[in-house]
Amino acid sequence: MRLPPFSCALLAGFAALPYGLCMLDQYDLRILQIWQSRGDIGPVEMAEAIALSASQCSRRMAALRREGHVLGFHARLNPDSLGIGLKAYVLITMNSHAPAAADAFRARILALDEVLECQKLTGEADIILKVATRDLASFNQLLTQRILAAPEVATARSSIILEEVKSTTALPIRI
């Protein structure tokens, strides 16, 4: 059973509510929608954007964080200004799906700063990585010496990103 937004707002001040217990109303959804594009917005500006009081926005924003709807806030950096000139996807097939091999591969990937994303897949490949490096030479070094050299990896196929047409972390929130 999910509680209506008004009940959640009242209860949130007294106890931690389990994730997913509260329904989100149109104001909560609008706050989340705005936060996705403006993570640095405060309650006063949010109040102006959604036509609620600053105190109401502040309470709602705190509740959304507390309830686990917001995982964090991050700055989006310009890769060109930092000398990151190449992004690519790498499809990996594993030698083994044994838990020990998976744990070893996970530890290896978590230690690589160049790996932006890592997801397990269904289908032909087992893993997809999104990586960012300075240039083709550093990408080649990452791929051959650090990824393909891993004993857990059977094969890797890469595709270099030529142009970023769309890149977002915003989820499709419908109000």
N, C-alpha and C. Protein backbone atom coordinates (compact mmCIF):
# COMPACT_ATOMS: atom_id res chain seq x y z
N MET A 1 0.85 -1.19 0.00
CA MET A 1 0.00 0.00 0.00
C MET A 1 0.88 1.24 0.00
N ARG A 2 0.54 2.18 -0.88
CA ARG A 2 1.29 3.43 -0.94
C ARG A 2 0.46 4.53 -0.31
N LEU A 3 1.12 5.41 0.39
CA LEU A 3 0.44 6.51 1.07
C LEU A 3 0.31 7.71 0.14
N PRO A 4 -0.77 8.47 0.25
CA PRO A 4 -0.90 9.69 -0.55
C PRO A 4 0.16 10.72 -0.12
N PRO A 5 0.51 11.66 -1.02
CA PRO A 5 1.56 12.63 -0.73
C PRO A 5 1.37 13.40 0.56
N PHE A 6 0.15 13.80 0.88
CA PHE A 6 -0.08 14.60 2.08
C PHE A 6 0.30 13.81 3.33
N SER A 7 -0.12 12.53 3.38
CA SER A 7 0.22 11.68 4.53
C SER A 7 1.73 11.49 4.64
N CYS A 8 2.39 11.33 3.51
CA CYS A 8 3.85 11.14 3.51
C CYS A 8 4.54 12.38 4.05
N ALA A 9 4.07 13.54 3.65
CA ALA A 9 4.70 14.79 4.11
C ALA A 9 4.55 14.92 5.62
N LEU A 10 3.41 14.53 6.17
CA LEU A 10 3.21 14.60 7.62
C LEU A 10 4.08 13.58 8.35
N LEU A 11 4.13 12.35 7.85
CA LEU A 11 4.87 11.28 8.51
C LEU A 11 6.39 11.44 8.37
N ALA A 12 6.83 12.06 7.29
CA ALA A 12 8.28 12.17 7.02
C ALA A 12 9.01 12.91 8.13
N GLY A 13 8.33 13.80 8.81
CA GLY A 13 8.96 14.53 9.90
C GLY A 13 9.15 13.71 11.15
N PHE A 14 8.46 12.57 11.25
CA PHE A 14 8.50 11.76 12.46
C PHE A 14 9.31 10.48 12.35
N ALA A 15 9.37 9.91 11.17
CA ALA A 15 10.08 8.63 11.02
C ALA A 15 10.57 8.46 9.60
N ALA A 16 11.58 7.65 9.44
CA ALA A 16 12.07 7.32 8.10
C ALA A 16 11.05 6.39 7.45
N LEU A 17 10.61 6.75 6.26
CA LEU A 17 9.64 5.93 5.55
C LEU A 17 10.36 5.01 4.57
N PRO A 18 9.90 3.78 4.40
CA PRO A 18 10.54 2.86 3.46
C PRO A 18 10.46 3.40 2.03
N TYR A 19 11.48 3.07 1.23
CA TYR A 19 11.52 3.49 -0.17
C TYR A 19 10.29 2.98 -0.89
N GLY A 20 9.67 3.84 -1.70
CA GLY A 20 8.53 3.45 -2.51
C GLY A 20 7.20 3.47 -1.79
N LEU A 21 7.17 3.86 -0.52
CA LEU A 21 5.91 3.85 0.24
C LEU A 21 5.02 5.02 -0.16
N CYS A 22 5.64 6.14 -0.51
CA CYS A 22 4.88 7.35 -0.80
C CYS A 22 4.65 7.54 -2.29
N MET A 23 3.46 7.98 -2.64
CA MET A 23 3.16 8.35 -4.02
C MET A 23 3.68 9.76 -4.25
N LEU A 24 4.13 10.02 -5.45
CA LEU A 24 4.61 11.34 -5.81
C LEU A 24 3.50 12.10 -6.50
N ASP A 25 3.26 13.33 -6.07
CA ASP A 25 2.24 14.14 -6.73
C ASP A 25 2.91 14.99 -7.82
N GLN A 26 2.12 15.84 -8.47
CA GLN A 26 2.64 16.64 -9.59
C GLN A 26 3.74 17.60 -9.15
N TYR A 27 3.69 18.10 -7.92
CA TYR A 27 4.73 19.00 -7.44
C TYR A 27 6.05 18.25 -7.23
N ASP A 28 5.95 17.05 -6.64
CA ASP A 28 7.15 16.23 -6.44
C ASP A 28 7.78 15.88 -7.78
N LEU A 29 6.95 15.48 -8.73
CA LEU A 29 7.47 15.12 -10.05
C LEU A 29 8.10 16.32 -10.74
N ARG A 30 7.50 17.48 -10.58
CA ARG A 30 8.05 18.69 -11.20
C ARG A 30 9.40 19.04 -10.55
N ILE A 31 9.50 18.90 -9.23
CA ILE A 31 10.78 19.14 -8.54
C ILE A 31 11.84 18.20 -9.10
N LEU A 32 11.52 16.92 -9.22
CA LEU A 32 12.47 15.95 -9.74
C LEU A 32 12.86 16.27 -11.18
N GLN A 33 11.88 16.68 -11.96
CA GLN A 33 12.14 17.04 -13.35
C GLN A 33 13.11 18.23 -13.44
N ILE A 34 12.88 19.25 -12.65
CA ILE A 34 13.75 20.44 -12.66
C ILE A 34 15.13 20.08 -12.11
N TRP A 35 15.19 19.29 -11.07
CA TRP A 35 16.46 18.88 -10.48
C TRP A 35 17.36 18.18 -11.49
N GLN A 36 16.76 17.42 -12.42
CA GLN A 36 17.57 16.71 -13.40
C GLN A 36 18.35 17.66 -14.30
N SER A 37 17.82 18.83 -14.55
CA SER A 37 18.54 19.78 -15.40
C SER A 37 19.25 20.86 -14.58
N ARG A 38 18.81 21.08 -13.35
CA ARG A 38 19.41 22.10 -12.49
C ARG A 38 19.62 21.53 -11.10
N GLY A 39 20.63 20.73 -10.93
CA GLY A 39 20.89 20.09 -9.65
C GLY A 39 21.28 21.06 -8.55
N ASP A 40 21.66 22.27 -8.93
CA ASP A 40 22.11 23.26 -7.95
C ASP A 40 21.01 24.21 -7.49
N ILE A 41 19.78 23.99 -7.94
CA ILE A 41 18.69 24.91 -7.61
C ILE A 41 18.30 24.76 -6.13
N GLY A 42 18.06 25.88 -5.48
CA GLY A 42 17.65 25.88 -4.09
C GLY A 42 16.14 26.02 -3.94
N PRO A 43 15.64 25.96 -2.73
CA PRO A 43 14.19 26.00 -2.49
C PRO A 43 13.52 27.29 -2.97
N VAL A 44 14.22 28.41 -2.87
CA VAL A 44 13.60 29.68 -3.28
C VAL A 44 13.38 29.70 -4.79
N GLU A 45 14.41 29.33 -5.54
CA GLU A 45 14.25 29.29 -7.00
C GLU A 45 13.27 28.20 -7.42
N MET A 46 13.30 27.08 -6.72
CA MET A 46 12.37 25.99 -7.03
C MET A 46 10.94 26.46 -6.79
N ALA A 47 10.72 27.21 -5.72
CA ALA A 47 9.39 27.72 -5.41
C ALA A 47 8.86 28.59 -6.55
N GLU A 48 9.72 29.42 -7.09
CA GLU A 48 9.32 30.27 -8.22
C GLU A 48 8.98 29.43 -9.44
N ALA A 49 9.72 28.35 -9.65
CA ALA A 49 9.52 27.52 -10.83
C ALA A 49 8.25 26.68 -10.78
N ILE A 50 7.82 26.28 -9.58
CA ILE A 50 6.65 25.38 -9.50
C ILE A 50 5.46 25.98 -8.77
N ALA A 51 5.56 27.23 -8.38
CA ALA A 51 4.44 27.94 -7.76
C ALA A 51 4.01 27.35 -6.41
N LEU A 52 5.00 27.07 -5.56
CA LEU A 52 4.76 26.71 -4.16
C LEU A 52 5.61 27.63 -3.30
N SER A 53 5.37 27.64 -2.00
CA SER A 53 6.20 28.46 -1.12
C SER A 53 7.58 27.83 -0.98
N ALA A 54 8.56 28.65 -0.62
CA ALA A 54 9.93 28.16 -0.44
C ALA A 54 9.99 27.11 0.67
N SER A 55 9.22 27.31 1.74
CA SER A 55 9.24 26.34 2.84
C SER A 55 8.65 25.00 2.40
N GLN A 56 7.58 25.05 1.61
CA GLN A 56 6.99 23.81 1.08
C GLN A 56 7.99 23.09 0.18
N CYS A 57 8.68 23.86 -0.68
CA CYS A 57 9.68 23.27 -1.57
C CYS A 57 10.81 22.66 -0.77
N SER A 58 11.25 23.36 0.25
CA SER A 58 12.34 22.87 1.07
C SER A 58 11.96 21.54 1.72
N ARG A 59 10.75 21.45 2.27
CA ARG A 59 10.29 20.20 2.90
C ARG A 59 10.19 19.08 1.87
N ARG A 60 9.63 19.38 0.71
CA ARG A 60 9.47 18.37 -0.33
C ARG A 60 10.83 17.91 -0.85
N MET A 61 11.75 18.85 -1.05
CA MET A 61 13.08 18.50 -1.55
C MET A 61 13.80 17.60 -0.55
N ALA A 62 13.69 17.92 0.72
CA ALA A 62 14.32 17.09 1.77
C ALA A 62 13.68 15.70 1.80
N ALA A 63 12.36 15.63 1.67
CA ALA A 63 11.67 14.34 1.70
C ALA A 63 12.05 13.49 0.49
N LEU A 64 12.17 14.10 -0.67
CA LEU A 64 12.55 13.35 -1.88
C LEU A 64 13.95 12.76 -1.73
N ARG A 65 14.85 13.53 -1.11
CA ARG A 65 16.20 13.01 -0.85
C ARG A 65 16.14 11.87 0.15
N ARG A 66 15.44 12.09 1.25
CA ARG A 66 15.35 11.12 2.34
C ARG A 66 14.71 9.80 1.86
N GLU A 67 13.71 9.91 1.00
CA GLU A 67 12.99 8.73 0.52
C GLU A 67 13.76 7.96 -0.55
N GLY A 68 14.91 8.49 -0.97
CA GLY A 68 15.75 7.76 -1.94
C GLY A 68 15.45 8.02 -3.39
N HIS A 69 14.66 9.04 -3.69
CA HIS A 69 14.36 9.36 -5.09
C HIS A 69 15.54 10.05 -5.77
N VAL A 70 16.41 10.67 -5.00
CA VAL A 70 17.57 11.39 -5.53
C VAL A 70 18.82 10.62 -5.08
N LEU A 71 19.60 10.18 -6.05
CA LEU A 71 20.81 9.40 -5.74
C LEU A 71 22.02 10.29 -5.51
N GLY A 72 22.00 11.52 -6.00
CA GLY A 72 23.12 12.44 -5.81
C GLY A 72 23.09 13.56 -6.82
N PHE A 73 23.98 14.50 -6.66
CA PHE A 73 24.12 15.63 -7.57
C PHE A 73 25.56 15.68 -8.05
N HIS A 74 25.74 15.94 -9.35
CA HIS A 74 27.08 15.92 -9.93
C HIS A 74 27.23 17.05 -10.93
N ALA A 75 28.46 17.54 -11.05
CA ALA A 75 28.76 18.53 -12.08
C ALA A 75 29.05 17.78 -13.38
N ARG A 76 28.58 18.30 -14.48
CA ARG A 76 28.87 17.73 -15.81
C ARG A 76 30.05 18.51 -16.38
N LEU A 77 31.17 17.84 -16.56
CA LEU A 77 32.40 18.49 -16.98
C LEU A 77 32.56 18.46 -18.50
N ASN A 78 33.31 19.42 -19.01
CA ASN A 78 33.60 19.50 -20.44
C ASN A 78 34.82 18.64 -20.74
N PRO A 79 34.66 17.50 -21.44
CA PRO A 79 35.80 16.61 -21.69
C PRO A 79 36.91 17.28 -22.51
N ASP A 80 36.54 18.11 -23.46
CA ASP A 80 37.55 18.77 -24.31
C ASP A 80 38.48 19.65 -23.47
N SER A 81 37.92 20.37 -22.51
CA SER A 81 38.75 21.27 -21.70
C SER A 81 39.68 20.50 -20.76
N LEU A 82 39.40 19.20 -20.56
CA LEU A 82 40.22 18.37 -19.68
C LEU A 82 41.14 17.42 -20.46
N GLY A 83 41.18 17.59 -21.79
CA GLY A 83 42.05 16.76 -22.60
C GLY A 83 41.53 15.36 -22.86
N ILE A 84 40.22 15.15 -22.67
CA ILE A 84 39.60 13.85 -22.97
C ILE A 84 39.04 13.96 -24.39
N GLY A 85 39.72 13.32 -25.34
CA GLY A 85 39.35 13.47 -26.74
C GLY A 85 38.70 12.27 -27.37
N LEU A 86 38.59 11.15 -26.65
CA LEU A 86 38.03 9.94 -27.25
C LEU A 86 37.11 9.25 -26.25
N LYS A 87 35.94 8.89 -26.75
CA LYS A 87 35.00 8.06 -25.98
C LYS A 87 34.66 6.86 -26.85
N ALA A 88 34.46 5.73 -26.20
CA ALA A 88 34.15 4.51 -26.95
C ALA A 88 33.31 3.57 -26.10
N TYR A 89 32.67 2.63 -26.80
CA TYR A 89 31.99 1.52 -26.15
C TYR A 89 32.80 0.27 -26.40
N VAL A 90 32.90 -0.57 -25.39
CA VAL A 90 33.63 -1.83 -25.51
C VAL A 90 32.69 -2.96 -25.07
N LEU A 91 32.44 -3.89 -26.00
CA LEU A 91 31.62 -5.06 -25.70
C LEU A 91 32.55 -6.21 -25.32
N ILE A 92 32.32 -6.79 -24.17
CA ILE A 92 33.22 -7.81 -23.63
C ILE A 92 32.48 -9.14 -23.48
N THR A 93 33.16 -10.21 -23.90
CA THR A 93 32.70 -11.57 -23.64
C THR A 93 33.64 -12.15 -22.60
N MET A 94 33.07 -12.71 -21.56
CA MET A 94 33.85 -13.25 -20.45
C MET A 94 34.28 -14.69 -20.72
N ASN A 95 35.44 -15.07 -20.18
CA ASN A 95 35.92 -16.46 -20.24
C ASN A 95 35.09 -17.36 -19.36
N SER A 96 34.66 -16.81 -18.23
CA SER A 96 33.93 -17.60 -17.24
C SER A 96 32.89 -16.72 -16.57
N HIS A 97 31.79 -17.36 -16.19
CA HIS A 97 30.75 -16.65 -15.45
C HIS A 97 30.73 -17.05 -13.98
N ALA A 98 31.80 -17.70 -13.55
CA ALA A 98 31.91 -18.12 -12.16
C ALA A 98 31.97 -16.89 -11.25
N PRO A 99 31.41 -16.97 -10.06
CA PRO A 99 31.41 -15.82 -9.14
C PRO A 99 32.81 -15.23 -8.89
N ALA A 100 33.81 -16.05 -8.77
CA ALA A 100 35.17 -15.55 -8.51
C ALA A 100 35.67 -14.72 -9.69
N ALA A 101 35.40 -15.18 -10.91
CA ALA A 101 35.82 -14.44 -12.11
C ALA A 101 35.05 -13.12 -12.21
N ALA A 102 33.76 -13.17 -11.92
CA ALA A 102 32.95 -11.94 -11.96
C ALA A 102 33.43 -10.93 -10.93
N ASP A 103 33.75 -11.40 -9.74
CA ASP A 103 34.25 -10.51 -8.68
C ASP A 103 35.60 -9.90 -9.05
N ALA A 104 36.48 -10.71 -9.64
CA ALA A 104 37.80 -10.21 -10.05
C ALA A 104 37.65 -9.15 -11.14
N PHE A 105 36.76 -9.42 -12.10
CA PHE A 105 36.54 -8.45 -13.18
C PHE A 105 35.94 -7.16 -12.64
N ARG A 106 34.98 -7.29 -11.75
CA ARG A 106 34.34 -6.11 -11.14
C ARG A 106 35.40 -5.25 -10.44
N ALA A 107 36.25 -5.87 -9.66
CA ALA A 107 37.31 -5.12 -8.95
C ALA A 107 38.24 -4.43 -9.93
N ARG A 108 38.58 -5.12 -11.02
CA ARG A 108 39.46 -4.54 -12.04
C ARG A 108 38.81 -3.31 -12.68
N ILE A 109 37.55 -3.43 -13.04
CA ILE A 109 36.83 -2.33 -13.71
C ILE A 109 36.65 -1.14 -12.77
N LEU A 110 36.31 -1.41 -11.52
CA LEU A 110 36.11 -0.32 -10.55
C LEU A 110 37.39 0.48 -10.33
N ALA A 111 38.54 -0.12 -10.58
CA ALA A 111 39.82 0.55 -10.39
C ALA A 111 40.25 1.38 -11.60
N LEU A 112 39.52 1.27 -12.71
CA LEU A 112 39.88 2.00 -13.93
C LEU A 112 39.10 3.31 -14.04
N ASP A 113 39.78 4.43 -13.86
CA ASP A 113 39.13 5.74 -13.96
C ASP A 113 38.55 6.00 -15.35
N GLU A 114 39.14 5.39 -16.38
CA GLU A 114 38.68 5.62 -17.76
C GLU A 114 37.32 5.01 -18.03
N VAL A 115 36.90 4.06 -17.21
CA VAL A 115 35.60 3.40 -17.40
C VAL A 115 34.52 4.27 -16.76
N LEU A 116 33.66 4.81 -17.61
CA LEU A 116 32.57 5.69 -17.15
C LEU A 116 31.35 4.88 -16.73
N GLU A 117 31.08 3.80 -17.45
CA GLU A 117 29.91 2.97 -17.18
C GLU A 117 30.27 1.52 -17.45
N CYS A 118 29.64 0.63 -16.71
CA CYS A 118 29.80 -0.81 -16.92
C CYS A 118 28.47 -1.47 -16.61
N GLN A 119 27.93 -2.18 -17.62
CA GLN A 119 26.67 -2.89 -17.41
C GLN A 119 26.78 -4.33 -17.89
N LYS A 120 26.13 -5.24 -17.15
CA LYS A 120 26.00 -6.63 -17.59
C LYS A 120 24.85 -6.68 -18.60
N LEU A 121 25.02 -7.54 -19.61
CA LEU A 121 24.05 -7.61 -20.70
C LEU A 121 23.49 -9.01 -20.89
N THR A 122 22.39 -9.07 -21.61
CA THR A 122 21.93 -10.32 -22.18
C THR A 122 22.38 -10.29 -23.64
N GLY A 123 22.36 -11.43 -24.31
CA GLY A 123 22.74 -11.45 -25.72
C GLY A 123 24.17 -11.94 -25.92
N GLU A 124 24.76 -11.56 -27.05
CA GLU A 124 26.09 -12.05 -27.43
C GLU A 124 27.18 -11.64 -26.45
N ALA A 125 27.24 -10.37 -26.13
CA ALA A 125 28.27 -9.87 -25.20
C ALA A 125 27.76 -9.99 -23.77
N ASP A 126 28.71 -10.10 -22.85
CA ASP A 126 28.35 -10.20 -21.43
C ASP A 126 28.34 -8.85 -20.74
N ILE A 127 29.24 -7.96 -21.18
CA ILE A 127 29.45 -6.67 -20.53
C ILE A 127 29.59 -5.59 -21.59
N ILE A 128 29.10 -4.39 -21.29
CA ILE A 128 29.40 -3.23 -22.13
C ILE A 128 30.03 -2.16 -21.24
N LEU A 129 31.11 -1.59 -21.72
CA LEU A 129 31.78 -0.50 -21.03
C LEU A 129 31.67 0.75 -21.87
N LYS A 130 31.52 1.87 -21.22
CA LYS A 130 31.69 3.17 -21.88
C LYS A 130 32.97 3.75 -21.28
N VAL A 131 33.93 4.07 -22.14
CA VAL A 131 35.22 4.55 -21.66
C VAL A 131 35.55 5.91 -22.26
N ALA A 132 36.42 6.64 -21.59
CA ALA A 132 36.89 7.94 -22.07
C ALA A 132 38.40 8.01 -21.84
N THR A 133 39.13 8.38 -22.90
CA THR A 133 40.58 8.50 -22.80
C THR A 133 41.03 9.77 -23.52
N ARG A 134 42.33 10.08 -23.38
CA ARG A 134 42.88 11.28 -24.02
C ARG A 134 42.82 11.18 -25.55
N ASP A 135 43.25 10.04 -26.08
CA ASP A 135 43.41 9.91 -27.52
C ASP A 135 43.41 8.43 -27.90
N LEU A 136 43.64 8.15 -29.19
CA LEU A 136 43.62 6.78 -29.69
C LEU A 136 44.72 5.94 -29.05
N ALA A 137 45.90 6.52 -28.85
CA ALA A 137 47.01 5.77 -28.24
C ALA A 137 46.67 5.35 -26.82
N SER A 138 46.09 6.24 -26.03
CA SER A 138 45.73 5.88 -24.65
C SER A 138 44.56 4.90 -24.63
N PHE A 139 43.65 4.99 -25.60
CA PHE A 139 42.57 4.02 -25.71
C PHE A 139 43.14 2.64 -26.03
N ASN A 140 44.07 2.58 -26.97
CA ASN A 140 44.71 1.32 -27.34
C ASN A 140 45.40 0.70 -26.13
N GLN A 141 46.09 1.51 -25.36
CA GLN A 141 46.76 1.01 -24.15
C GLN A 141 45.75 0.46 -23.14
N LEU A 142 44.68 1.20 -22.91
CA LEU A 142 43.62 0.75 -21.99
C LEU A 142 43.04 -0.59 -22.46
N LEU A 143 42.72 -0.66 -23.76
CA LEU A 143 42.07 -1.85 -24.30
C LEU A 143 43.01 -3.06 -24.26
N THR A 144 44.22 -2.90 -24.74
CA THR A 144 45.11 -4.06 -24.87
C THR A 144 45.81 -4.44 -23.58
N GLN A 145 46.25 -3.47 -22.81
CA GLN A 145 47.06 -3.78 -21.63
C GLN A 145 46.25 -3.92 -20.35
N ARG A 146 45.06 -3.35 -20.31
CA ARG A 146 44.33 -3.38 -19.05
C ARG A 146 43.00 -4.13 -19.14
N ILE A 147 42.39 -4.17 -20.30
CA ILE A 147 41.11 -4.88 -20.43
C ILE A 147 41.33 -6.27 -21.04
N LEU A 148 41.91 -6.33 -22.23
CA LEU A 148 42.13 -7.63 -22.88
C LEU A 148 43.15 -8.49 -22.15
N ALA A 149 44.04 -7.88 -21.39
CA ALA A 149 45.03 -8.63 -20.63
C ALA A 149 44.44 -9.31 -19.40
N ALA A 150 43.23 -8.93 -19.04
CA ALA A 150 42.57 -9.53 -17.87
C ALA A 150 42.24 -10.99 -18.17
N PRO A 151 42.59 -11.89 -17.26
CA PRO A 151 42.33 -13.31 -17.52
C PRO A 151 40.83 -13.64 -17.62
N GLU A 152 39.98 -12.80 -17.09
CA GLU A 152 38.52 -13.06 -17.13
C GLU A 152 37.92 -12.74 -18.49
N VAL A 153 38.65 -12.00 -19.34
CA VAL A 153 38.12 -11.52 -20.62
C VAL A 153 38.51 -12.46 -21.75
N ALA A 154 37.51 -12.93 -22.51
CA ALA A 154 37.76 -13.78 -23.68
C ALA A 154 37.97 -12.91 -24.91
N THR A 155 37.02 -11.99 -25.17
CA THR A 155 37.11 -11.12 -26.34
C THR A 155 36.57 -9.74 -26.00
N ALA A 156 36.97 -8.77 -26.80
CA ALA A 156 36.44 -7.41 -26.68
C ALA A 156 36.32 -6.82 -28.08
N ARG A 157 35.19 -6.17 -28.30
CA ARG A 157 34.95 -5.44 -29.55
C ARG A 157 34.67 -4.00 -29.18
N SER A 158 35.29 -3.07 -29.88
CA SER A 158 35.11 -1.67 -29.51
C SER A 158 34.53 -0.87 -30.67
N SER A 159 33.83 0.19 -30.32
CA SER A 159 33.31 1.17 -31.27
C SER A 159 33.58 2.55 -30.72
N ILE A 160 34.31 3.34 -31.49
CA ILE A 160 34.65 4.70 -31.07
C ILE A 160 33.48 5.62 -31.39
N ILE A 161 33.15 6.47 -30.47
CA ILE A 161 32.06 7.43 -30.65
C ILE A 161 32.57 8.56 -31.53
N LEU A 162 31.93 8.78 -32.67
CA LEU A 162 32.33 9.84 -33.59
C LEU A 162 31.69 11.18 -33.22
N GLU A 163 30.43 11.11 -32.80
CA GLU A 163 29.70 12.33 -32.44
C GLU A 163 28.66 11.99 -31.38
N GLU A 164 28.60 12.80 -30.34
CA GLU A 164 27.58 12.62 -29.32
C GLU A 164 26.33 13.36 -29.76
N VAL A 165 25.33 12.62 -30.17
CA VAL A 165 24.08 13.22 -30.63
C VAL A 165 23.20 13.59 -29.44
N LYS A 166 23.13 12.70 -28.46
CA LYS A 166 22.38 12.96 -27.24
C LYS A 166 23.07 12.25 -26.09
N SER A 167 23.28 12.95 -25.01
CA SER A 167 23.87 12.37 -23.82
C SER A 167 23.19 13.01 -22.61
N THR A 168 22.46 12.19 -21.87
CA THR A 168 21.73 12.71 -20.72
C THR A 168 21.65 11.65 -19.63
N THR A 169 21.49 12.10 -18.43
CA THR A 169 21.20 11.18 -17.33
C THR A 169 19.77 11.38 -16.85
N ALA A 170 19.04 12.29 -17.49
CA ALA A 170 17.67 12.60 -17.10
C ALA A 170 16.74 11.46 -17.42
N LEU A 171 15.96 11.03 -16.42
CA LEU A 171 14.97 9.99 -16.62
C LEU A 171 13.69 10.60 -17.19
N PRO A 172 12.91 9.83 -17.94
CA PRO A 172 11.68 10.36 -18.54
C PRO A 172 10.56 10.49 -17.51
N ILE A 173 10.44 11.65 -16.90
CA ILE A 173 9.39 11.90 -15.91
C ILE A 173 8.21 12.56 -16.62
N ARG A 174 7.09 11.93 -16.51
CA ARG A 174 5.86 12.48 -17.12
C ARG A 174 4.97 13.03 -16.02
N ILE A 175 4.50 14.24 -16.23
CA ILE A 175 3.61 14.86 -15.24
C ILE A 175 2.20 14.88 -15.76
